[in-house]
Amino acid sequence: MTAGLSEHHQQLARRKREAITAAATRLFLERGYDGTSLAKIAQEAAVSKSTLFKQFPTKAALFEAIVTEYWKGGPDPAAPATQPGDLRTGLSAIGFQYADLIGRPAMAALFRIVIAELPRFPELGRAQFELGKLPYFVSVQHYLEAQHAAGTAVVPDAESATNQFLGMIANYVLWPRMLLADWSPAPADVGHAVDEAVTTMLARYGRGADQPQHS
């Protein structure tokens, strides 16, 4: 009985947390970060103020939780499907995972909040970078380093390679959405963008790619 109640309470807490973060994101977009109070978020999320304050004692803590949840909402690029081995398969898996992650409306909303509020609240940008983008970036960098160590790719500068790969995908999937409200490429077009990014990476870093000759 206790275990059943515990599971019920855990599910209820998760639902309330999701309602809070969804309401906060919506209000941050509508009213700005500074113009949104925790009390208003609690009202919109249909939870008590004590429930919200228990989970998020400050607005900054709530925003950090949103960033963390949004970036961890996608598949893990270090999953078994992307372990060292077939470079094309691994890059394709990462590429489609990343496109799905940054292609969600919630991710674009998060970027819009940060960009709009950055001049007055630079800590929002740091949270977005340090809690969201950087950990994801590092996980992909580690994958490329592992490929290089295993001899299945030649990636002497995994940091630059990660920038190139994720940048090619984000430049098509995410950044146009920041300026074009109706930007919603078809899955086939997203797939083509990912495939082209993978092909470019294979040409540059694949084991069969031409490498500089050293005397």
N, C-alpha and C. Protein backbone atom coordinates (compact mmCIF):
# COMPACT_ATOMS: atom_id res chain seq x y z
N MET A 1 0.83 -1.20 0.00
CA MET A 1 0.00 0.00 0.00
C MET A 1 0.87 1.26 0.00
N THR A 2 1.92 1.25 0.88
CA THR A 2 2.80 2.41 0.97
C THR A 2 3.51 2.67 -0.34
N ALA A 3 3.99 1.55 -0.95
CA ALA A 3 4.70 1.70 -2.22
C ALA A 3 3.77 2.27 -3.28
N GLY A 4 2.50 1.82 -3.29
CA GLY A 4 1.55 2.32 -4.27
C GLY A 4 1.28 3.79 -4.08
N LEU A 5 1.12 4.20 -2.82
CA LEU A 5 0.90 5.62 -2.55
C LEU A 5 2.12 6.44 -2.93
N SER A 6 3.29 5.90 -2.67
CA SER A 6 4.52 6.60 -3.01
C SER A 6 4.61 6.83 -4.50
N GLU A 7 4.31 5.81 -5.29
CA GLU A 7 4.35 5.94 -6.74
C GLU A 7 3.30 6.96 -7.21
N HIS A 8 2.13 6.92 -6.60
CA HIS A 8 1.08 7.88 -6.95
C HIS A 8 1.53 9.30 -6.66
N HIS A 9 2.14 9.49 -5.51
CA HIS A 9 2.61 10.82 -5.15
C HIS A 9 3.73 11.29 -6.07
N GLN A 10 4.59 10.37 -6.48
CA GLN A 10 5.66 10.72 -7.40
C GLN A 10 5.10 11.15 -8.75
N GLN A 11 4.11 10.44 -9.25
CA GLN A 11 3.48 10.80 -10.51
C GLN A 11 2.79 12.16 -10.40
N LEU A 12 2.13 12.39 -9.28
CA LEU A 12 1.45 13.67 -9.06
C LEU A 12 2.46 14.81 -9.03
N ALA A 13 3.59 14.58 -8.36
CA ALA A 13 4.63 15.60 -8.29
C ALA A 13 5.20 15.90 -9.67
N ARG A 14 5.38 14.85 -10.48
CA ARG A 14 5.90 15.05 -11.84
C ARG A 14 4.92 15.86 -12.68
N ARG A 15 3.64 15.55 -12.55
CA ARG A 15 2.63 16.29 -13.32
C ARG A 15 2.60 17.76 -12.91
N LYS A 16 2.70 18.01 -11.62
CA LYS A 16 2.71 19.39 -11.15
C LYS A 16 3.96 20.12 -11.63
N ARG A 17 5.09 19.44 -11.61
CA ARG A 17 6.34 20.04 -12.07
C ARG A 17 6.23 20.40 -13.56
N GLU A 18 5.68 19.48 -14.35
CA GLU A 18 5.50 19.75 -15.78
C GLU A 18 4.56 20.93 -16.00
N ALA A 19 3.49 21.00 -15.21
CA ALA A 19 2.54 22.12 -15.33
C ALA A 19 3.22 23.44 -14.98
N ILE A 20 4.08 23.41 -13.98
CA ILE A 20 4.78 24.62 -13.56
C ILE A 20 5.74 25.09 -14.64
N THR A 21 6.56 24.19 -15.18
CA THR A 21 7.54 24.60 -16.18
C THR A 21 6.85 25.05 -17.47
N ALA A 22 5.73 24.41 -17.83
CA ALA A 22 5.00 24.82 -19.03
C ALA A 22 4.40 26.21 -18.83
N ALA A 23 3.81 26.45 -17.67
CA ALA A 23 3.22 27.76 -17.39
C ALA A 23 4.30 28.84 -17.34
N ALA A 24 5.44 28.52 -16.74
CA ALA A 24 6.53 29.50 -16.65
C ALA A 24 7.05 29.87 -18.03
N THR A 25 7.25 28.87 -18.87
CA THR A 25 7.74 29.15 -20.23
C THR A 25 6.77 30.05 -20.98
N ARG A 26 5.48 29.74 -20.89
CA ARG A 26 4.47 30.54 -21.58
C ARG A 26 4.45 31.98 -21.06
N LEU A 27 4.52 32.12 -19.76
CA LEU A 27 4.47 33.47 -19.18
C LEU A 27 5.76 34.25 -19.43
N PHE A 28 6.89 33.57 -19.39
CA PHE A 28 8.15 34.26 -19.70
C PHE A 28 8.11 34.83 -21.11
N LEU A 29 7.52 34.08 -22.04
CA LEU A 29 7.42 34.56 -23.42
C LEU A 29 6.44 35.73 -23.54
N GLU A 30 5.32 35.63 -22.84
CA GLU A 30 4.28 36.65 -22.95
C GLU A 30 4.64 37.94 -22.21
N ARG A 31 5.21 37.80 -21.01
CA ARG A 31 5.40 38.95 -20.12
C ARG A 31 6.87 39.31 -19.90
N GLY A 32 7.76 38.44 -20.38
CA GLY A 32 9.17 38.65 -20.08
C GLY A 32 9.53 37.99 -18.76
N TYR A 33 10.80 37.73 -18.59
CA TYR A 33 11.27 37.09 -17.37
C TYR A 33 11.03 37.99 -16.16
N ASP A 34 11.38 39.24 -16.28
CA ASP A 34 11.25 40.17 -15.17
C ASP A 34 9.79 40.44 -14.83
N GLY A 35 8.91 40.40 -15.83
CA GLY A 35 7.51 40.71 -15.61
C GLY A 35 6.65 39.55 -15.16
N THR A 36 7.28 38.42 -14.89
CA THR A 36 6.55 37.22 -14.48
C THR A 36 6.90 36.88 -13.04
N SER A 37 5.90 36.78 -12.19
CA SER A 37 6.13 36.44 -10.79
C SER A 37 5.89 34.95 -10.55
N LEU A 38 6.51 34.43 -9.51
CA LEU A 38 6.27 33.04 -9.15
C LEU A 38 4.81 32.82 -8.76
N ALA A 39 4.20 33.83 -8.15
CA ALA A 39 2.80 33.71 -7.77
C ALA A 39 1.91 33.54 -9.00
N LYS A 40 2.20 34.31 -10.04
CA LYS A 40 1.42 34.20 -11.28
C LYS A 40 1.65 32.84 -11.94
N ILE A 41 2.87 32.35 -11.89
CA ILE A 41 3.15 31.03 -12.45
C ILE A 41 2.36 29.96 -11.72
N ALA A 42 2.32 30.05 -10.40
CA ALA A 42 1.55 29.09 -9.61
C ALA A 42 0.08 29.13 -9.99
N GLN A 43 -0.45 30.34 -10.17
CA GLN A 43 -1.85 30.48 -10.56
C GLN A 43 -2.12 29.84 -11.91
N GLU A 44 -1.25 30.12 -12.89
CA GLU A 44 -1.44 29.58 -14.24
C GLU A 44 -1.26 28.06 -14.26
N ALA A 45 -0.40 27.55 -13.39
CA ALA A 45 -0.16 26.10 -13.35
C ALA A 45 -1.17 25.36 -12.50
N ALA A 46 -2.07 26.12 -11.84
CA ALA A 46 -3.10 25.54 -10.97
C ALA A 46 -2.48 24.73 -9.84
N VAL A 47 -1.44 25.30 -9.24
CA VAL A 47 -0.83 24.70 -8.06
C VAL A 47 -0.75 25.79 -6.98
N SER A 48 -0.60 25.37 -5.75
CA SER A 48 -0.47 26.34 -4.67
C SER A 48 0.90 26.98 -4.71
N LYS A 49 0.99 28.17 -4.12
CA LYS A 49 2.29 28.85 -4.07
C LYS A 49 3.29 28.05 -3.24
N SER A 50 2.80 27.40 -2.19
CA SER A 50 3.70 26.60 -1.36
C SER A 50 4.27 25.42 -2.15
N THR A 51 3.45 24.83 -3.03
CA THR A 51 3.94 23.72 -3.87
C THR A 51 5.02 24.21 -4.81
N LEU A 52 4.79 25.36 -5.43
CA LEU A 52 5.80 25.90 -6.35
C LEU A 52 7.07 26.28 -5.60
N PHE A 53 6.94 26.98 -4.48
CA PHE A 53 8.13 27.43 -3.74
C PHE A 53 8.92 26.24 -3.19
N LYS A 54 8.22 25.15 -2.91
CA LYS A 54 8.92 23.97 -2.41
C LYS A 54 9.85 23.40 -3.47
N GLN A 55 9.41 23.41 -4.71
CA GLN A 55 10.23 22.88 -5.80
C GLN A 55 11.18 23.92 -6.36
N PHE A 56 10.71 25.17 -6.44
CA PHE A 56 11.51 26.23 -7.05
C PHE A 56 11.48 27.46 -6.15
N PRO A 57 12.41 27.58 -5.23
CA PRO A 57 12.38 28.71 -4.30
C PRO A 57 12.63 30.07 -4.94
N THR A 58 13.23 30.08 -6.13
CA THR A 58 13.48 31.34 -6.82
C THR A 58 13.13 31.19 -8.30
N LYS A 59 12.94 32.32 -8.94
CA LYS A 59 12.65 32.30 -10.38
C LYS A 59 13.85 31.79 -11.16
N ALA A 60 15.05 32.12 -10.69
CA ALA A 60 16.26 31.64 -11.36
C ALA A 60 16.35 30.11 -11.30
N ALA A 61 15.98 29.54 -10.17
CA ALA A 61 16.00 28.08 -10.03
C ALA A 61 15.00 27.44 -10.97
N LEU A 62 13.85 28.08 -11.15
CA LEU A 62 12.84 27.56 -12.07
C LEU A 62 13.36 27.62 -13.50
N PHE A 63 13.97 28.73 -13.89
CA PHE A 63 14.49 28.83 -15.24
C PHE A 63 15.58 27.79 -15.49
N GLU A 64 16.45 27.58 -14.52
CA GLU A 64 17.50 26.58 -14.68
C GLU A 64 16.91 25.18 -14.84
N ALA A 65 15.84 24.90 -14.12
CA ALA A 65 15.17 23.61 -14.25
C ALA A 65 14.58 23.44 -15.64
N ILE A 66 14.00 24.53 -16.18
CA ILE A 66 13.45 24.48 -17.53
C ILE A 66 14.55 24.16 -18.54
N VAL A 67 15.67 24.85 -18.43
CA VAL A 67 16.79 24.61 -19.34
C VAL A 67 17.24 23.15 -19.28
N THR A 68 17.44 22.67 -18.06
CA THR A 68 17.93 21.30 -17.88
C THR A 68 16.95 20.29 -18.44
N GLU A 69 15.68 20.48 -18.18
CA GLU A 69 14.68 19.52 -18.65
C GLU A 69 14.56 19.55 -20.17
N TYR A 70 14.60 20.75 -20.76
CA TYR A 70 14.47 20.84 -22.21
C TYR A 70 15.63 20.15 -22.92
N TRP A 71 16.85 20.37 -22.42
CA TRP A 71 18.01 19.78 -23.09
C TRP A 71 18.15 18.29 -22.81
N LYS A 72 17.62 17.84 -21.68
CA LYS A 72 17.67 16.41 -21.39
C LYS A 72 16.44 15.70 -21.91
N GLY A 73 15.56 16.45 -22.56
CA GLY A 73 14.35 15.85 -23.11
C GLY A 73 14.60 15.04 -24.35
N GLY A 74 15.77 15.21 -24.96
CA GLY A 74 16.11 14.45 -26.16
C GLY A 74 16.91 13.22 -25.82
N PRO A 75 17.13 12.36 -26.80
CA PRO A 75 17.92 11.15 -26.58
C PRO A 75 19.35 11.49 -26.20
N ASP A 76 19.98 10.58 -25.49
CA ASP A 76 21.36 10.75 -25.06
C ASP A 76 22.30 10.43 -26.23
N PRO A 77 23.12 11.38 -26.67
CA PRO A 77 24.02 11.09 -27.79
C PRO A 77 25.09 10.09 -27.44
N ALA A 78 25.26 9.76 -26.15
CA ALA A 78 26.24 8.77 -25.75
C ALA A 78 25.61 7.39 -25.57
N ALA A 79 24.39 7.21 -26.08
CA ALA A 79 23.69 5.93 -25.95
C ALA A 79 24.42 4.84 -26.74
N PRO A 80 24.12 3.56 -26.45
CA PRO A 80 24.81 2.47 -27.14
C PRO A 80 24.80 2.56 -28.66
N ALA A 81 23.74 3.14 -29.23
CA ALA A 81 23.65 3.23 -30.69
C ALA A 81 24.74 4.12 -31.27
N THR A 82 25.35 4.95 -30.43
CA THR A 82 26.38 5.86 -30.94
C THR A 82 27.74 5.59 -30.30
N GLN A 83 27.99 4.36 -29.91
CA GLN A 83 29.31 4.00 -29.41
C GLN A 83 30.26 3.86 -30.60
N PRO A 84 31.59 3.93 -30.35
CA PRO A 84 32.55 3.84 -31.45
C PRO A 84 32.29 2.63 -32.34
N GLY A 85 32.41 2.82 -33.63
CA GLY A 85 32.16 1.76 -34.58
C GLY A 85 31.92 2.35 -35.95
N ASP A 86 30.74 2.13 -36.48
CA ASP A 86 30.37 2.65 -37.78
C ASP A 86 30.12 4.16 -37.67
N LEU A 87 31.03 4.95 -38.24
CA LEU A 87 30.95 6.40 -38.09
C LEU A 87 29.68 6.96 -38.71
N ARG A 88 29.31 6.48 -39.89
CA ARG A 88 28.10 6.97 -40.54
C ARG A 88 26.87 6.71 -39.69
N THR A 89 26.77 5.50 -39.17
CA THR A 89 25.61 5.15 -38.34
C THR A 89 25.56 6.01 -37.08
N GLY A 90 26.71 6.17 -36.44
CA GLY A 90 26.75 6.96 -35.22
C GLY A 90 26.41 8.42 -35.45
N LEU A 91 27.00 9.01 -36.48
CA LEU A 91 26.71 10.42 -36.79
C LEU A 91 25.26 10.61 -37.19
N SER A 92 24.72 9.68 -37.94
CA SER A 92 23.32 9.78 -38.34
C SER A 92 22.41 9.75 -37.12
N ALA A 93 22.71 8.84 -36.18
CA ALA A 93 21.89 8.75 -34.97
C ALA A 93 21.96 10.06 -34.19
N ILE A 94 23.16 10.58 -34.00
CA ILE A 94 23.31 11.84 -33.28
C ILE A 94 22.62 12.98 -34.03
N GLY A 95 22.82 13.03 -35.34
CA GLY A 95 22.25 14.11 -36.13
C GLY A 95 20.74 14.16 -36.06
N PHE A 96 20.10 13.01 -36.18
CA PHE A 96 18.63 12.99 -36.11
C PHE A 96 18.15 13.27 -34.69
N GLN A 97 18.88 12.78 -33.69
CA GLN A 97 18.53 13.09 -32.31
C GLN A 97 18.58 14.60 -32.06
N TYR A 98 19.66 15.22 -32.54
CA TYR A 98 19.85 16.65 -32.32
C TYR A 98 18.80 17.47 -33.07
N ALA A 99 18.52 17.07 -34.30
CA ALA A 99 17.50 17.77 -35.08
C ALA A 99 16.14 17.69 -34.39
N ASP A 100 15.83 16.53 -33.84
CA ASP A 100 14.56 16.37 -33.13
C ASP A 100 14.53 17.24 -31.87
N LEU A 101 15.65 17.29 -31.16
CA LEU A 101 15.72 18.07 -29.92
C LEU A 101 15.55 19.56 -30.17
N ILE A 102 16.33 20.12 -31.10
CA ILE A 102 16.27 21.57 -31.32
C ILE A 102 15.12 21.98 -32.22
N GLY A 103 14.46 21.01 -32.84
CA GLY A 103 13.33 21.32 -33.71
C GLY A 103 12.02 21.43 -32.98
N ARG A 104 12.01 21.09 -31.70
CA ARG A 104 10.77 21.18 -30.92
C ARG A 104 10.42 22.65 -30.65
N PRO A 105 9.14 23.00 -30.71
CA PRO A 105 8.75 24.39 -30.42
C PRO A 105 9.24 24.86 -29.05
N ALA A 106 9.28 23.96 -28.07
CA ALA A 106 9.71 24.35 -26.74
C ALA A 106 11.15 24.84 -26.74
N MET A 107 12.00 24.24 -27.56
CA MET A 107 13.40 24.66 -27.60
C MET A 107 13.52 26.05 -28.22
N ALA A 108 12.78 26.30 -29.29
CA ALA A 108 12.80 27.64 -29.89
C ALA A 108 12.28 28.67 -28.89
N ALA A 109 11.26 28.30 -28.12
CA ALA A 109 10.72 29.21 -27.11
C ALA A 109 11.78 29.54 -26.07
N LEU A 110 12.55 28.54 -25.67
CA LEU A 110 13.59 28.76 -24.68
C LEU A 110 14.64 29.74 -25.20
N PHE A 111 15.05 29.57 -26.44
CA PHE A 111 16.03 30.48 -27.03
C PHE A 111 15.47 31.89 -27.11
N ARG A 112 14.20 32.02 -27.44
CA ARG A 112 13.60 33.35 -27.55
C ARG A 112 13.61 34.07 -26.20
N ILE A 113 13.32 33.33 -25.13
CA ILE A 113 13.34 33.93 -23.79
C ILE A 113 14.73 34.45 -23.48
N VAL A 114 15.74 33.62 -23.73
CA VAL A 114 17.12 34.00 -23.42
C VAL A 114 17.54 35.22 -24.23
N ILE A 115 17.26 35.21 -25.52
CA ILE A 115 17.67 36.32 -26.39
C ILE A 115 16.98 37.62 -25.98
N ALA A 116 15.69 37.53 -25.66
CA ALA A 116 14.94 38.74 -25.30
C ALA A 116 15.42 39.35 -23.99
N GLU A 117 15.81 38.51 -23.04
CA GLU A 117 16.13 38.99 -21.70
C GLU A 117 17.63 39.12 -21.44
N LEU A 118 18.45 38.72 -22.39
CA LEU A 118 19.89 38.68 -22.17
C LEU A 118 20.50 40.01 -21.73
N PRO A 119 20.12 41.15 -22.31
CA PRO A 119 20.74 42.40 -21.87
C PRO A 119 20.55 42.70 -20.40
N ARG A 120 19.38 42.36 -19.85
CA ARG A 120 19.11 42.66 -18.43
C ARG A 120 19.44 41.50 -17.51
N PHE A 121 19.38 40.28 -18.04
CA PHE A 121 19.60 39.10 -17.21
C PHE A 121 20.60 38.16 -17.89
N PRO A 122 21.88 38.54 -17.90
CA PRO A 122 22.88 37.69 -18.56
C PRO A 122 22.99 36.30 -17.94
N GLU A 123 22.53 36.17 -16.70
CA GLU A 123 22.59 34.85 -16.07
C GLU A 123 21.71 33.83 -16.78
N LEU A 124 20.69 34.30 -17.49
CA LEU A 124 19.85 33.37 -18.25
C LEU A 124 20.64 32.75 -19.38
N GLY A 125 21.46 33.56 -20.04
CA GLY A 125 22.30 33.04 -21.10
C GLY A 125 23.32 32.04 -20.57
N ARG A 126 23.89 32.34 -19.41
CA ARG A 126 24.85 31.41 -18.82
C ARG A 126 24.19 30.10 -18.47
N ALA A 127 22.98 30.16 -17.93
CA ALA A 127 22.26 28.94 -17.58
C ALA A 127 21.97 28.12 -18.83
N GLN A 128 21.51 28.78 -19.89
CA GLN A 128 21.22 28.08 -21.14
C GLN A 128 22.47 27.41 -21.70
N PHE A 129 23.59 28.11 -21.61
CA PHE A 129 24.83 27.57 -22.16
C PHE A 129 25.41 26.47 -21.27
N GLU A 130 25.55 26.76 -19.98
CA GLU A 130 26.27 25.86 -19.08
C GLU A 130 25.46 24.63 -18.67
N LEU A 131 24.14 24.78 -18.57
CA LEU A 131 23.30 23.66 -18.14
C LEU A 131 22.70 22.90 -19.31
N GLY A 132 22.60 23.56 -20.47
CA GLY A 132 21.94 22.93 -21.61
C GLY A 132 22.87 22.61 -22.75
N LYS A 133 23.27 23.64 -23.48
CA LYS A 133 24.02 23.43 -24.70
C LYS A 133 25.39 22.79 -24.45
N LEU A 134 26.12 23.28 -23.44
CA LEU A 134 27.48 22.78 -23.22
C LEU A 134 27.52 21.29 -22.88
N PRO A 135 26.70 20.79 -21.93
CA PRO A 135 26.74 19.35 -21.66
C PRO A 135 26.42 18.51 -22.89
N TYR A 136 25.46 18.95 -23.69
CA TYR A 136 25.14 18.20 -24.91
C TYR A 136 26.32 18.23 -25.87
N PHE A 137 26.90 19.41 -26.05
CA PHE A 137 28.05 19.58 -26.93
C PHE A 137 29.20 18.66 -26.50
N VAL A 138 29.48 18.65 -25.21
CA VAL A 138 30.59 17.84 -24.70
C VAL A 138 30.34 16.35 -24.94
N SER A 139 29.09 15.92 -24.82
CA SER A 139 28.78 14.50 -25.04
C SER A 139 29.06 14.10 -26.49
N VAL A 140 28.75 14.99 -27.43
CA VAL A 140 29.05 14.69 -28.84
C VAL A 140 30.56 14.75 -29.08
N GLN A 141 31.23 15.71 -28.46
CA GLN A 141 32.68 15.80 -28.58
C GLN A 141 33.34 14.52 -28.08
N HIS A 142 32.87 13.99 -26.97
CA HIS A 142 33.42 12.76 -26.42
C HIS A 142 33.21 11.59 -27.38
N TYR A 143 32.06 11.57 -28.05
CA TYR A 143 31.81 10.52 -29.03
C TYR A 143 32.85 10.57 -30.15
N LEU A 144 33.12 11.76 -30.66
CA LEU A 144 34.10 11.90 -31.74
C LEU A 144 35.51 11.57 -31.25
N GLU A 145 35.82 11.94 -30.03
CA GLU A 145 37.12 11.58 -29.46
C GLU A 145 37.26 10.06 -29.34
N ALA A 146 36.17 9.41 -28.96
CA ALA A 146 36.20 7.95 -28.85
C ALA A 146 36.38 7.30 -30.22
N GLN A 147 35.75 7.86 -31.26
CA GLN A 147 35.93 7.35 -32.62
C GLN A 147 37.38 7.50 -33.04
N HIS A 148 37.97 8.64 -32.72
CA HIS A 148 39.37 8.88 -33.08
C HIS A 148 40.28 7.89 -32.36
N ALA A 149 40.03 7.69 -31.06
CA ALA A 149 40.86 6.77 -30.27
C ALA A 149 40.72 5.33 -30.76
N ALA A 150 39.53 4.98 -31.23
CA ALA A 150 39.28 3.62 -31.71
C ALA A 150 39.83 3.39 -33.12
N GLY A 151 40.26 4.47 -33.78
CA GLY A 151 40.78 4.34 -35.14
C GLY A 151 39.73 4.24 -36.21
N THR A 152 38.48 4.53 -35.85
CA THR A 152 37.41 4.47 -36.85
C THR A 152 37.15 5.82 -37.50
N ALA A 153 37.87 6.85 -37.06
CA ALA A 153 37.79 8.18 -37.65
C ALA A 153 39.09 8.91 -37.36
N VAL A 154 39.34 9.95 -38.12
CA VAL A 154 40.53 10.77 -37.90
C VAL A 154 40.04 12.17 -37.52
N VAL A 155 39.94 12.42 -36.20
CA VAL A 155 39.38 13.66 -35.70
C VAL A 155 40.38 14.28 -34.72
N PRO A 156 41.41 14.94 -35.23
CA PRO A 156 42.42 15.50 -34.33
C PRO A 156 41.90 16.64 -33.46
N ASP A 157 40.85 17.32 -33.89
CA ASP A 157 40.27 18.42 -33.12
C ASP A 157 38.77 18.17 -33.00
N ALA A 158 38.41 17.39 -31.97
CA ALA A 158 37.01 17.00 -31.82
C ALA A 158 36.12 18.18 -31.47
N GLU A 159 36.67 19.18 -30.81
CA GLU A 159 35.86 20.36 -30.47
C GLU A 159 35.41 21.09 -31.74
N SER A 160 36.34 21.32 -32.66
CA SER A 160 35.99 21.97 -33.91
C SER A 160 35.03 21.12 -34.73
N ALA A 161 35.27 19.82 -34.75
CA ALA A 161 34.41 18.91 -35.52
C ALA A 161 32.99 18.92 -34.97
N THR A 162 32.85 18.98 -33.65
CA THR A 162 31.53 19.03 -33.04
C THR A 162 30.82 20.32 -33.41
N ASN A 163 31.54 21.43 -33.36
CA ASN A 163 30.97 22.71 -33.78
C ASN A 163 30.46 22.65 -35.21
N GLN A 164 31.25 22.06 -36.08
CA GLN A 164 30.89 21.97 -37.49
C GLN A 164 29.63 21.13 -37.68
N PHE A 165 29.60 19.97 -37.05
CA PHE A 165 28.49 19.04 -37.26
C PHE A 165 27.18 19.59 -36.70
N LEU A 166 27.18 19.99 -35.43
CA LEU A 166 25.95 20.50 -34.84
C LEU A 166 25.54 21.82 -35.48
N GLY A 167 26.52 22.62 -35.88
CA GLY A 167 26.21 23.90 -36.52
C GLY A 167 25.51 23.72 -37.85
N MET A 168 25.94 22.74 -38.64
CA MET A 168 25.29 22.51 -39.93
C MET A 168 23.81 22.16 -39.75
N ILE A 169 23.51 21.41 -38.70
CA ILE A 169 22.13 21.00 -38.47
C ILE A 169 21.31 22.14 -37.88
N ALA A 170 21.86 22.83 -36.89
CA ALA A 170 21.13 23.93 -36.25
C ALA A 170 20.87 25.06 -37.22
N ASN A 171 21.77 25.27 -38.17
CA ASN A 171 21.61 26.36 -39.13
C ASN A 171 20.38 26.17 -40.01
N TYR A 172 19.94 24.93 -40.15
CA TYR A 172 18.74 24.67 -40.95
C TYR A 172 17.51 24.45 -40.06
N VAL A 173 17.69 23.75 -38.96
CA VAL A 173 16.53 23.34 -38.16
C VAL A 173 16.08 24.41 -37.17
N LEU A 174 17.03 25.09 -36.50
CA LEU A 174 16.67 25.99 -35.42
C LEU A 174 16.68 27.46 -35.80
N TRP A 175 17.79 27.95 -36.33
CA TRP A 175 17.96 29.40 -36.46
C TRP A 175 16.95 30.09 -37.38
N PRO A 176 16.51 29.50 -38.48
CA PRO A 176 15.45 30.16 -39.25
C PRO A 176 14.17 30.35 -38.43
N ARG A 177 13.92 29.41 -37.51
CA ARG A 177 12.71 29.50 -36.69
C ARG A 177 12.74 30.73 -35.78
N MET A 178 13.94 31.21 -35.46
CA MET A 178 14.05 32.37 -34.59
C MET A 178 13.58 33.65 -35.28
N LEU A 179 13.59 33.65 -36.61
CA LEU A 179 13.19 34.82 -37.37
C LEU A 179 11.90 34.63 -38.17
N LEU A 180 11.60 33.39 -38.49
CA LEU A 180 10.43 33.09 -39.32
C LEU A 180 9.42 32.30 -38.50
N ALA A 181 8.31 32.94 -38.16
CA ALA A 181 7.33 32.31 -37.28
C ALA A 181 6.73 31.05 -37.89
N ASP A 182 6.71 30.97 -39.21
CA ASP A 182 6.09 29.82 -39.87
C ASP A 182 7.11 28.79 -40.33
N TRP A 183 8.35 28.90 -39.85
CA TRP A 183 9.37 27.95 -40.28
C TRP A 183 9.11 26.58 -39.67
N SER A 184 8.77 25.62 -40.48
CA SER A 184 8.49 24.27 -40.02
C SER A 184 8.81 23.30 -41.15
N PRO A 185 10.10 23.02 -41.37
CA PRO A 185 10.49 22.17 -42.48
C PRO A 185 9.91 20.76 -42.36
N ALA A 186 9.62 20.18 -43.49
CA ALA A 186 9.07 18.82 -43.52
C ALA A 186 10.12 17.84 -43.02
N PRO A 187 9.69 16.71 -42.44
CA PRO A 187 10.64 15.71 -41.97
C PRO A 187 11.64 15.29 -43.04
N ALA A 188 11.18 15.18 -44.28
CA ALA A 188 12.09 14.78 -45.35
C ALA A 188 13.18 15.82 -45.57
N ASP A 189 12.83 17.10 -45.43
CA ASP A 189 13.83 18.16 -45.59
C ASP A 189 14.82 18.17 -44.43
N VAL A 190 14.33 17.93 -43.23
CA VAL A 190 15.23 17.83 -42.08
C VAL A 190 16.16 16.63 -42.27
N GLY A 191 15.60 15.52 -42.73
CA GLY A 191 16.41 14.34 -42.97
C GLY A 191 17.49 14.60 -44.00
N HIS A 192 17.15 15.35 -45.03
CA HIS A 192 18.15 15.68 -46.05
C HIS A 192 19.26 16.53 -45.47
N ALA A 193 18.90 17.49 -44.62
CA ALA A 193 19.91 18.35 -44.00
C ALA A 193 20.85 17.53 -43.12
N VAL A 194 20.29 16.60 -42.36
CA VAL A 194 21.12 15.75 -41.51
C VAL A 194 22.02 14.86 -42.35
N ASP A 195 21.46 14.25 -43.40
CA ASP A 195 22.25 13.38 -44.27
C ASP A 195 23.41 14.14 -44.91
N GLU A 196 23.16 15.37 -45.33
CA GLU A 196 24.22 16.16 -45.94
C GLU A 196 25.30 16.51 -44.92
N ALA A 197 24.90 16.80 -43.68
CA ALA A 197 25.87 17.08 -42.63
C ALA A 197 26.73 15.84 -42.34
N VAL A 198 26.11 14.68 -42.31
CA VAL A 198 26.85 13.43 -42.09
C VAL A 198 27.82 13.17 -43.23
N THR A 199 27.37 13.37 -44.45
CA THR A 199 28.24 13.15 -45.61
C THR A 199 29.45 14.08 -45.58
N THR A 200 29.21 15.32 -45.19
CA THR A 200 30.31 16.28 -45.08
C THR A 200 31.30 15.84 -44.01
N MET A 201 30.81 15.38 -42.87
CA MET A 201 31.69 14.91 -41.80
C MET A 201 32.49 13.69 -42.22
N LEU A 202 31.85 12.79 -42.93
CA LEU A 202 32.56 11.59 -43.40
C LEU A 202 33.67 11.96 -44.38
N ALA A 203 33.39 12.93 -45.24
CA ALA A 203 34.40 13.36 -46.22
C ALA A 203 35.60 13.98 -45.51
N ARG A 204 35.35 14.66 -44.42
CA ARG A 204 36.44 15.33 -43.71
C ARG A 204 37.12 14.43 -42.69
N TYR A 205 36.36 13.63 -41.96
CA TYR A 205 36.92 12.90 -40.82
C TYR A 205 36.85 11.38 -40.94
N GLY A 206 36.20 10.88 -41.99
CA GLY A 206 36.12 9.43 -42.14
C GLY A 206 37.48 8.81 -42.34
N ARG A 207 37.61 7.57 -41.97
CA ARG A 207 38.90 6.89 -42.05
C ARG A 207 39.43 6.86 -43.47
N GLY A 208 38.54 6.84 -44.45
CA GLY A 208 38.98 6.79 -45.84
C GLY A 208 39.23 8.15 -46.45
N ALA A 209 38.95 9.23 -45.70
CA ALA A 209 39.13 10.57 -46.26
C ALA A 209 40.60 10.85 -46.46
N ASP A 210 40.90 11.68 -47.45
CA ASP A 210 42.29 12.05 -47.70
C ASP A 210 42.82 12.83 -46.52
N GLN A 211 43.96 12.46 -46.01
CA GLN A 211 44.57 13.12 -44.90
C GLN A 211 45.87 13.80 -45.38
N PRO A 212 46.26 14.90 -44.76
CA PRO A 212 47.52 15.56 -45.14
C PRO A 212 48.70 14.60 -45.00
N GLN A 213 49.57 14.66 -45.95
CA GLN A 213 50.74 13.79 -45.93
C GLN A 213 51.85 14.47 -45.16
N HIS A 214 52.53 13.71 -44.30
CA HIS A 214 53.63 14.26 -43.53
C HIS A 214 54.91 13.56 -43.94
N SER A 215 55.96 14.32 -44.13
CA SER A 215 57.23 13.72 -44.53
C SER A 215 57.95 13.14 -43.33
